[in-house]
Every structure is written in C-alpha cells, then in structure tokens.
C-alpha cells in the first residue's frame, strides 16, 4: 500500500479494514514513499499491519528490531515484520 499523504494513508487503511481486509502491507523503497514502519503506526483497530520486505542492507539491525517491537506494542499485537536482502 502506498499513499500520497498521511491523511490518504489513514483513509485507505480504514477503508480496507471496513471492507473486511485482514492485512495491510507496506513496501520498503527509497523512492518517493512514506517510511513503512512510521506509516503503519496504528491507523486501524484490528487489521494486521506489516512490511512486505524491509531492505536490511540499508537498515541498522538494532534500530529495526526496536522499531518492530514498538510497532508490535502500538498495534497491540497486529504487526508482521518482513525482512529481506532488499
């Protein structure tokens, strides 16, 4: 899922949740897009939030683990972390 703004992202996530979708996944690219872990931060109440594949080559592993743990906490257990070579 991508969005042009924070408001667009929240509206899209809430619409997906209302339509019965179970998961929202964000890609991790360096082009013009919102950072996935920040963009996913608790915009829904029950839908699972996740990263398609975080590019581990450009991310510090300790900071990624901390951010993923915080996403798990903020989303009340509705977070899936995807990792890859990017």
C-alpha atoms as a PDB file:
ATOM      1  CA  UNK A   1       0.000   0.000   0.000  1.00  0.00           C
ATOM      2  CA  UNK A   2       1.270   3.458  -0.863  1.00  0.00           C
ATOM      3  CA  UNK A   3      -0.223   6.895  -0.282  1.00  0.00           C
ATOM      4  CA  UNK A   4       0.441  10.496  -1.217  1.00  0.00           C
ATOM      5  CA  UNK A   5      -0.113  11.824   2.302  1.00  0.00           C
ATOM      6  CA  UNK A   6      -0.701  10.735   5.899  1.00  0.00           C
ATOM      7  CA  UNK A   7      -4.418  11.530   5.561  1.00  0.00           C
ATOM      8  CA  UNK A   8      -4.654   9.423   2.378  1.00  0.00           C
ATOM      9  CA  UNK A   9      -2.884   6.555   4.094  1.00  0.00           C
ATOM     10  CA  UNK A  10      -5.198   6.618   7.106  1.00  0.00           C
ATOM     11  CA  UNK A  11      -8.286   6.806   4.875  1.00  0.00           C
ATOM     12  CA  UNK A  12      -7.087   3.885   2.732  1.00  0.00           C
ATOM     13  CA  UNK A  13      -6.267   1.767   5.793  1.00  0.00           C
ATOM     14  CA  UNK A  14      -9.626   2.449   7.430  1.00  0.00           C
ATOM     15  CA  UNK A  15     -11.456   1.688   4.173  1.00  0.00           C
ATOM     16  CA  UNK A  16      -9.580  -1.616   3.833  1.00  0.00           C
ATOM     17  CA  UNK A  17     -10.489  -2.502   7.403  1.00  0.00           C
ATOM     18  CA  UNK A  18     -14.159  -1.612   6.839  1.00  0.00           C
ATOM     19  CA  UNK A  19     -14.215  -3.786   3.690  1.00  0.00           C
ATOM     20  CA  UNK A  20     -13.018  -6.779   5.696  1.00  0.00           C
ATOM     21  CA  UNK A  21      -9.382  -6.975   4.632  1.00  0.00           C
ATOM     22  CA  UNK A  22      -7.199  -8.699   7.206  1.00  0.00           C
ATOM     23  CA  UNK A  23      -3.754  -7.260   6.430  1.00  0.00           C
ATOM     24  CA  UNK A  24      -2.109  -4.078   5.166  1.00  0.00           C
ATOM     25  CA  UNK A  25       1.468  -4.428   3.934  1.00  0.00           C
ATOM     26  CA  UNK A  26       3.881  -1.596   3.117  1.00  0.00           C
ATOM     27  CA  UNK A  27       6.880  -1.893   0.774  1.00  0.00           C
ATOM     28  CA  UNK A  28      10.315  -0.512   1.661  1.00  0.00           C
ATOM     29  CA  UNK A  29      11.723   1.521  -1.218  1.00  0.00           C
ATOM     30  CA  UNK A  30      13.902   4.606  -1.254  1.00  0.00           C
ATOM     31  CA  UNK A  31      11.786   6.408  -3.813  1.00  0.00           C
ATOM     32  CA  UNK A  32       9.000   8.865  -3.009  1.00  0.00           C
ATOM     33  CA  UNK A  33       7.013   6.971  -0.376  1.00  0.00           C
ATOM     34  CA  UNK A  34       6.331   7.084   3.337  1.00  0.00           C
ATOM     35  CA  UNK A  35       8.721   5.068   5.559  1.00  0.00           C
ATOM     36  CA  UNK A  36       6.905   1.771   6.221  1.00  0.00           C
ATOM     37  CA  UNK A  37       7.293   1.442   9.991  1.00  0.00           C
ATOM     38  CA  UNK A  38       6.187   5.012  10.585  1.00  0.00           C
ATOM     39  CA  UNK A  39       3.400   4.830   8.008  1.00  0.00           C
ATOM     40  CA  UNK A  40       1.921   1.709   9.590  1.00  0.00           C
ATOM     41  CA  UNK A  41       1.720   3.167  13.072  1.00  0.00           C
ATOM     42  CA  UNK A  42      -1.673   2.275  14.483  1.00  0.00           C
ATOM     43  CA  UNK A  43      -4.100   3.694  11.931  1.00  0.00           C
ATOM     44  CA  UNK A  44      -6.546   0.813  12.383  1.00  0.00           C
ATOM     45  CA  UNK A  45      -8.052  -1.094  15.287  1.00  0.00           C
ATOM     46  CA  UNK A  46      -7.965  -4.768  14.254  1.00  0.00           C
ATOM     47  CA  UNK A  47      -6.270  -5.209  10.869  1.00  0.00           C
ATOM     48  CA  UNK A  48      -2.764  -6.732  10.802  1.00  0.00           C
ATOM     49  CA  UNK A  49      -0.051  -4.283   9.735  1.00  0.00           C
ATOM     50  CA  UNK A  50       3.165  -5.434   8.119  1.00  0.00           C
ATOM     51  CA  UNK A  51       6.181  -4.792   5.974  1.00  0.00           C
ATOM     52  CA  UNK A  52       6.475  -6.617   2.673  1.00  0.00           C
ATOM     53  CA  UNK A  53      10.272  -6.835   2.896  1.00  0.00           C
ATOM     54  CA  UNK A  54      12.445  -4.363   4.750  1.00  0.00           C
ATOM     55  CA  UNK A  55      15.719  -3.768   2.930  1.00  0.00           C
ATOM     56  CA  UNK A  56      18.128  -4.991   5.605  1.00  0.00           C
ATOM     57  CA  UNK A  57      21.157  -3.698   3.693  1.00  0.00           C
ATOM     58  CA  UNK A  58      20.141  -0.091   4.409  1.00  0.00           C
ATOM     59  CA  UNK A  59      18.778  -0.564   7.951  1.00  0.00           C
ATOM     60  CA  UNK A  60      20.590  -0.850  11.265  1.00  0.00           C
ATOM     61  CA  UNK A  61      19.511  -4.211  12.764  1.00  0.00           C
ATOM     62  CA  UNK A  62      19.231  -2.917  16.336  1.00  0.00           C
ATOM     63  CA  UNK A  63      17.102   0.070  15.343  1.00  0.00           C
ATOM     64  CA  UNK A  64      14.943  -2.127  13.095  1.00  0.00           C
ATOM     65  CA  UNK A  65      14.344  -4.533  15.984  1.00  0.00           C
ATOM     66  CA  UNK A  66      13.457  -1.651  18.315  1.00  0.00           C
ATOM     67  CA  UNK A  67      11.062  -0.116  15.801  1.00  0.00           C
ATOM     68  CA  UNK A  68       9.453  -3.501  15.088  1.00  0.00           C
ATOM     69  CA  UNK A  69       8.998  -4.119  18.822  1.00  0.00           C
ATOM     70  CA  UNK A  70       7.381  -0.707  19.184  1.00  0.00           C
ATOM     71  CA  UNK A  71       5.076  -1.395  16.225  1.00  0.00           C
ATOM     72  CA  UNK A  72       4.048  -4.679  17.880  1.00  0.00           C
ATOM     73  CA  UNK A  73       3.306  -2.766  21.085  1.00  0.00           C
ATOM     74  CA  UNK A  74       1.464   0.167  19.445  1.00  0.00           C
ATOM     75  CA  UNK A  75      -0.606  -2.100  17.199  1.00  0.00           C
ATOM     76  CA  UNK A  76      -1.480  -4.333  20.178  1.00  0.00           C
ATOM     77  CA  UNK A  77      -0.003  -7.425  18.534  1.00  0.00           C
ATOM     78  CA  UNK A  78      -1.205  -6.763  14.981  1.00  0.00           C
ATOM     79  CA  UNK A  79       2.222  -6.381  13.322  1.00  0.00           C
ATOM     80  CA  UNK A  80       4.163  -8.696  10.987  1.00  0.00           C
ATOM     81  CA  UNK A  81       7.797  -7.970  10.112  1.00  0.00           C
ATOM     82  CA  UNK A  82       9.116  -8.964   6.699  1.00  0.00           C
ATOM     83  CA  UNK A  83      12.892  -8.867   6.125  1.00  0.00           C
ATOM     84  CA  UNK A  84      14.987  -9.402   3.020  1.00  0.00           C
ATOM     85  CA  UNK A  85      18.144  -8.550   1.156  1.00  0.00           C
ATOM     86  CA  UNK A  86      16.410  -5.565  -0.445  1.00  0.00           C
END
